[in-house]
Amino acid sequence: MRNSWRKALLGGGMAVAALLVGSPGSASTHAAFNGTFQNTSAVITDFRQADGNTFISETVHVVYAGDLSGSVVEQIDLVIHPNGSLNFNGVDTCACTLAGRSGTVVFPFSGTGDASGASGGRFTIKGATGALADRALADLHGVGTFQSSNGGSSGSFSGDYHFDP
């Protein structure tokens, strides 16, 4: 009697676990994309200096062209070091079109640059959520890189994306 009760409890627990885990989903096939960016305006929102470093926060308006295209508002924080090198991070909010779908999506990014004006970095693409939720691009995910040779005012980007089912 005691063993049958344990078997029933174990079997029930396994059934509940199977329901909680669910069946594995599958994402759409990954696809490559590339394009260019061009900054159209920038407004410095904060500026300070400490220990030879310059800290700048900006709101930048950008246009993407290519496989991923649209109008972007970028929030970026930069640290320019005494030797001219810099590091930065921010978020692009894009009213974009990709793969025939249009909507608003967010792209967190980070990167580095040098005194010559060359810069580059990485970004992620995550489906829009919260107030920015837009069903057309809500299931968009991906990663990519960007580079510029003129201080970040224009350049190119490329990456890989997929849509969750």
C-alpha atoms as a PDB file:
ATOM      1  CA  MET A   1       0.000   0.000   0.000  1.00  0.00           C
ATOM      2  CA  ARG A   2       2.762   2.393   0.933  1.00  0.00           C
ATOM      3  CA  ASN A   3       4.645   1.887  -2.406  1.00  0.00           C
ATOM      4  CA  SER A   4       1.515   2.338  -4.543  1.00  0.00           C
ATOM      5  CA  TRP A   5       0.805   5.652  -2.781  1.00  0.00           C
ATOM      6  CA  ARG A   6       4.376   6.815  -3.516  1.00  0.00           C
ATOM      7  CA  LYS A   7       4.105   5.745  -7.150  1.00  0.00           C
ATOM      8  CA  ALA A   8       0.833   7.629  -7.534  1.00  0.00           C
ATOM      9  CA  LEU A   9       2.343  10.737  -5.927  1.00  0.00           C
ATOM     10  CA  LEU A  10       5.455  10.504  -8.122  1.00  0.00           C
ATOM     11  CA  GLY A  11       3.353   9.970 -11.253  1.00  0.00           C
ATOM     12  CA  GLY A  12       1.129  12.931 -10.386  1.00  0.00           C
ATOM     13  CA  GLY A  13       4.164  15.118  -9.739  1.00  0.00           C
ATOM     14  CA  MET A  14       5.665  14.180 -13.082  1.00  0.00           C
ATOM     15  CA  ALA A  15       2.383  14.992 -14.847  1.00  0.00           C
ATOM     16  CA  VAL A  16       2.244  18.433 -13.200  1.00  0.00           C
ATOM     17  CA  ALA A  17       5.887  19.070 -14.114  1.00  0.00           C
ATOM     18  CA  ALA A  18       5.180  18.145 -17.730  1.00  0.00           C
ATOM     19  CA  LEU A  19       2.297  20.635 -17.821  1.00  0.00           C
ATOM     20  CA  LEU A  20       4.418  23.383 -16.293  1.00  0.00           C
ATOM     21  CA  VAL A  21       7.337  22.853 -18.651  1.00  0.00           C
ATOM     22  CA  GLY A  22       5.165  22.524 -21.736  1.00  0.00           C
ATOM     23  CA  SER A  23       6.370  21.537 -25.117  1.00  0.00           C
ATOM     24  CA  PRO A  24       9.457  23.187 -26.553  1.00  0.00           C
ATOM     25  CA  GLY A  25       8.756  26.102 -28.859  1.00  0.00           C
ATOM     26  CA  SER A  26      10.635  26.812 -31.992  1.00  0.00           C
ATOM     27  CA  ALA A  27      11.792  30.187 -33.222  1.00  0.00           C
ATOM     28  CA  SER A  28      11.713  31.154 -36.851  1.00  0.00           C
ATOM     29  CA  THR A  29      14.825  30.641 -38.919  1.00  0.00           C
ATOM     30  CA  HIS A  30      17.581  33.125 -38.163  1.00  0.00           C
ATOM     31  CA  ALA A  31      18.177  35.680 -40.913  1.00  0.00           C
ATOM     32  CA  ALA A  32      20.965  38.163 -41.529  1.00  0.00           C
ATOM     33  CA  PHE A  33      20.418  41.896 -41.933  1.00  0.00           C
ATOM     34  CA  ASN A  34      22.596  44.927 -42.605  1.00  0.00           C
ATOM     35  CA  GLY A  35      22.272  48.620 -43.104  1.00  0.00           C
ATOM     36  CA  THR A  36      23.599  52.073 -42.383  1.00  0.00           C
ATOM     37  CA  PHE A  37      22.912  54.757 -39.807  1.00  0.00           C
ATOM     38  CA  GLN A  38      23.119  58.532 -40.045  1.00  0.00           C
ATOM     39  CA  ASN A  39      22.778  60.895 -37.082  1.00  0.00           C
ATOM     40  CA  THR A  40      20.614  63.887 -37.976  1.00  0.00           C
ATOM     41  CA  SER A  41      20.737  65.896 -34.726  1.00  0.00           C
ATOM     42  CA  ALA A  42      22.014  65.685 -31.153  1.00  0.00           C
ATOM     43  CA  VAL A  43      21.228  67.503 -27.932  1.00  0.00           C
ATOM     44  CA  ILE A  44      23.553  67.274 -24.937  1.00  0.00           C
ATOM     45  CA  THR A  45      21.461  66.566 -21.839  1.00  0.00           C
ATOM     46  CA  ASP A  46      24.299  66.322 -19.299  1.00  0.00           C
ATOM     47  CA  PHE A  47      27.995  67.240 -19.268  1.00  0.00           C
ATOM     48  CA  ARG A  48      30.591  66.996 -16.538  1.00  0.00           C
ATOM     49  CA  GLN A  49      34.296  66.374 -16.044  1.00  0.00           C
ATOM     50  CA  ALA A  50      36.127  64.457 -13.333  1.00  0.00           C
ATOM     51  CA  ASP A  51      39.670  63.087 -13.044  1.00  0.00           C
ATOM     52  CA  GLY A  52      40.455  64.075 -16.633  1.00  0.00           C
ATOM     53  CA  ASN A  53      37.436  62.191 -18.006  1.00  0.00           C
ATOM     54  CA  THR A  54      34.529  63.885 -19.754  1.00  0.00           C
ATOM     55  CA  PHE A  55      31.033  62.463 -19.210  1.00  0.00           C
ATOM     56  CA  ILE A  56      28.383  63.332 -21.794  1.00  0.00           C
ATOM     57  CA  SER A  57      24.753  62.279 -22.074  1.00  0.00           C
ATOM     58  CA  GLU A  58      22.938  62.991 -25.336  1.00  0.00           C
ATOM     59  CA  THR A  59      19.637  62.515 -27.094  1.00  0.00           C
ATOM     60  CA  VAL A  60      20.413  61.787 -30.741  1.00  0.00           C
ATOM     61  CA  HIS A  61      18.035  61.494 -33.706  1.00  0.00           C
ATOM     62  CA  VAL A  62      19.190  58.833 -36.165  1.00  0.00           C
ATOM     63  CA  VAL A  63      17.962  57.351 -39.444  1.00  0.00           C
ATOM     64  CA  TYR A  64      18.515  53.657 -40.238  1.00  0.00           C
ATOM     65  CA  ALA A  65      18.547  52.540 -43.896  1.00  0.00           C
ATOM     66  CA  GLY A  66      18.837  49.055 -45.377  1.00  0.00           C
ATOM     67  CA  ASP A  67      17.228  45.763 -44.350  1.00  0.00           C
ATOM     68  CA  LEU A  68      16.343  47.421 -41.025  1.00  0.00           C
ATOM     69  CA  SER A  69      15.074  50.936 -41.673  1.00  0.00           C
ATOM     70  CA  GLY A  70      13.374  53.638 -39.693  1.00  0.00           C
ATOM     71  CA  SER A  71      13.525  56.680 -37.481  1.00  0.00           C
ATOM     72  CA  VAL A  72      15.410  56.377 -34.182  1.00  0.00           C
ATOM     73  CA  VAL A  73      15.643  58.313 -30.932  1.00  0.00           C
ATOM     74  CA  GLU A  74      18.846  57.388 -29.140  1.00  0.00           C
ATOM     75  CA  GLN A  75      19.808  57.967 -25.515  1.00  0.00           C
ATOM     76  CA  ILE A  76      23.583  57.627 -25.138  1.00  0.00           C
ATOM     77  CA  ASP A  77      26.084  58.087 -22.316  1.00  0.00           C
ATOM     78  CA  LEU A  78      29.744  58.572 -23.272  1.00  0.00           C
ATOM     79  CA  VAL A  79      32.937  58.685 -21.248  1.00  0.00           C
ATOM     80  CA  ILE A  80      35.859  60.313 -23.053  1.00  0.00           C
ATOM     81  CA  HIS A  81      39.197  59.515 -21.409  1.00  0.00           C
ATOM     82  CA  PRO A  82      42.268  61.813 -21.346  1.00  0.00           C
ATOM     83  CA  ASN A  83      43.997  59.759 -24.067  1.00  0.00           C
ATOM     84  CA  GLY A  84      41.046  60.287 -26.452  1.00  0.00           C
ATOM     85  CA  SER A  85      39.627  56.779 -26.127  1.00  0.00           C
ATOM     86  CA  LEU A  86      35.994  56.466 -25.162  1.00  0.00           C
ATOM     87  CA  ASN A  87      33.373  54.010 -24.093  1.00  0.00           C
ATOM     88  CA  PHE A  88      29.624  54.390 -24.355  1.00  0.00           C
ATOM     89  CA  ASN A  89      26.292  52.690 -23.856  1.00  0.00           C
ATOM     90  CA  GLY A  90      22.719  53.553 -24.596  1.00  0.00           C
ATOM     91  CA  VAL A  91      19.396  52.577 -26.053  1.00  0.00           C
ATOM     92  CA  ASP A  92      17.930  53.169 -29.497  1.00  0.00           C
ATOM     93  CA  THR A  93      14.138  53.289 -29.754  1.00  0.00           C
ATOM     94  CA  CYS A  94      13.244  52.706 -33.379  1.00  0.00           C
ATOM     95  CA  ALA A  95      10.020  53.056 -35.356  1.00  0.00           C
ATOM     96  CA  CYS A  96      11.370  50.427 -37.766  1.00  0.00           C
ATOM     97  CA  THR A  97      10.569  48.089 -40.583  1.00  0.00           C
ATOM     98  CA  LEU A  98      12.238  44.685 -40.846  1.00  0.00           C
ATOM     99  CA  ALA A  99      11.180  41.676 -42.930  1.00  0.00           C
ATOM    100  CA  GLY A 100       7.945  43.383 -43.959  1.00  0.00           C
ATOM    101  CA  ARG A 101       6.914  44.076 -40.361  1.00  0.00           C
ATOM    102  CA  SER A 102       6.716  47.576 -38.905  1.00  0.00           C
ATOM    103  CA  GLY A 103       6.591  48.699 -35.309  1.00  0.00           C
ATOM    104  CA  THR A 104       8.541  50.127 -32.404  1.00  0.00           C
ATOM    105  CA  VAL A 105      11.397  48.184 -30.864  1.00  0.00           C
ATOM    106  CA  VAL A 106      14.275  48.883 -28.458  1.00  0.00           C
ATOM    107  CA  PHE A 107      17.978  48.220 -29.094  1.00  0.00           C
ATOM    108  CA  PRO A 108      20.340  48.391 -26.075  1.00  0.00           C
ATOM    109  CA  PHE A 109      23.961  48.909 -27.219  1.00  0.00           C
ATOM    110  CA  SER A 110      27.505  49.482 -25.974  1.00  0.00           C
ATOM    111  CA  GLY A 111      30.848  50.150 -27.565  1.00  0.00           C
ATOM    112  CA  THR A 112      34.272  51.748 -27.575  1.00  0.00           C
ATOM    113  CA  GLY A 113      36.172  54.249 -29.679  1.00  0.00           C
ATOM    114  CA  ASP A 114      39.602  55.748 -30.117  1.00  0.00           C
ATOM    115  CA  ALA A 115      41.104  59.191 -30.675  1.00  0.00           C
ATOM    116  CA  SER A 116      41.057  58.728 -34.480  1.00  0.00           C
ATOM    117  CA  GLY A 117      37.239  58.726 -34.521  1.00  0.00           C
ATOM    118  CA  ALA A 118      36.873  54.987 -35.108  1.00  0.00           C
ATOM    119  CA  SER A 119      34.232  53.346 -32.954  1.00  0.00           C
ATOM    120  CA  GLY A 120      32.226  50.179 -32.839  1.00  0.00           C
ATOM    121  CA  GLY A 121      30.168  47.996 -30.615  1.00  0.00           C
ATOM    122  CA  ARG A 122      27.380  45.491 -30.147  1.00  0.00           C
ATOM    123  CA  PHE A 123      23.614  45.682 -29.769  1.00  0.00           C
ATOM    124  CA  THR A 124      20.777  43.369 -28.925  1.00  0.00           C
ATOM    125  CA  ILE A 125      17.274  43.314 -30.312  1.00  0.00           C
ATOM    126  CA  LYS A 126      14.527  42.408 -27.919  1.00  0.00           C
ATOM    127  CA  GLY A 127      10.827  42.463 -28.650  1.00  0.00           C
ATOM    128  CA  ALA A 128       9.114  45.634 -27.512  1.00  0.00           C
ATOM    129  CA  THR A 129       7.359  45.438 -24.161  1.00  0.00           C
ATOM    130  CA  GLY A 130       5.339  47.647 -21.829  1.00  0.00           C
ATOM    131  CA  ALA A 131       4.243  50.987 -23.204  1.00  0.00           C
ATOM    132  CA  LEU A 132       6.237  50.265 -26.353  1.00  0.00           C
ATOM    133  CA  ALA A 133       4.524  46.922 -26.987  1.00  0.00           C
ATOM    134  CA  ASP A 134       3.810  46.602 -30.671  1.00  0.00           C
ATOM    135  CA  ARG A 135       2.513  43.242 -31.808  1.00  0.00           C
ATOM    136  CA  ALA A 136       4.221  43.374 -35.227  1.00  0.00           C
ATOM    137  CA  LEU A 137       7.718  43.355 -33.698  1.00  0.00           C
ATOM    138  CA  ALA A 138       6.987  42.130 -30.156  1.00  0.00           C
ATOM    139  CA  ASP A 139       8.507  38.722 -30.913  1.00  0.00           C
ATOM    140  CA  LEU A 140      11.647  40.071 -32.646  1.00  0.00           C
ATOM    141  CA  HIS A 141      15.033  39.061 -31.181  1.00  0.00           C
ATOM    142  CA  GLY A 142      18.599  39.319 -32.423  1.00  0.00           C
ATOM    143  CA  VAL A 143      22.140  40.584 -32.047  1.00  0.00           C
ATOM    144  CA  GLY A 144      24.454  42.682 -34.132  1.00  0.00           C
ATOM    145  CA  THR A 145      27.483  44.903 -34.446  1.00  0.00           C
ATOM    146  CA  PHE A 146      28.053  48.449 -35.685  1.00  0.00           C
ATOM    147  CA  GLN A 147      31.066  50.508 -36.708  1.00  0.00           C
ATOM    148  CA  SER A 148      31.915  54.072 -37.638  1.00  0.00           C
ATOM    149  CA  SER A 149      35.063  55.846 -38.760  1.00  0.00           C
ATOM    150  CA  ASN A 150      33.870  59.436 -38.238  1.00  0.00           C
ATOM    151  CA  GLY A 151      33.173  59.756 -34.542  1.00  0.00           C
ATOM    152  CA  GLY A 152      29.896  57.867 -34.677  1.00  0.00           C
ATOM    153  CA  SER A 153      27.914  60.306 -36.818  1.00  0.00           C
ATOM    154  CA  SER A 154      27.369  57.649 -39.499  1.00  0.00           C
ATOM    155  CA  GLY A 155      28.363  54.076 -40.174  1.00  0.00           C
ATOM    156  CA  SER A 156      27.162  50.582 -40.843  1.00  0.00           C
ATOM    157  CA  PHE A 157      25.564  47.758 -38.877  1.00  0.00           C
ATOM    158  CA  SER A 158      24.829  44.083 -39.398  1.00  0.00           C
ATOM    159  CA  GLY A 159      23.375  41.258 -37.424  1.00  0.00           C
ATOM    160  CA  ASP A 160      21.159  38.239 -37.155  1.00  0.00           C
ATOM    161  CA  TYR A 161      17.480  38.127 -36.125  1.00  0.00           C
ATOM    162  CA  HIS A 162      14.538  35.803 -35.694  1.00  0.00           C
ATOM    163  CA  PHE A 163      10.892  36.016 -34.686  1.00  0.00           C
ATOM    164  CA  ASP A 164       9.582  33.830 -31.885  1.00  0.00           C
ATOM    165  CA  PRO A 165       6.477  31.833 -32.803  1.00  0.00           C
END
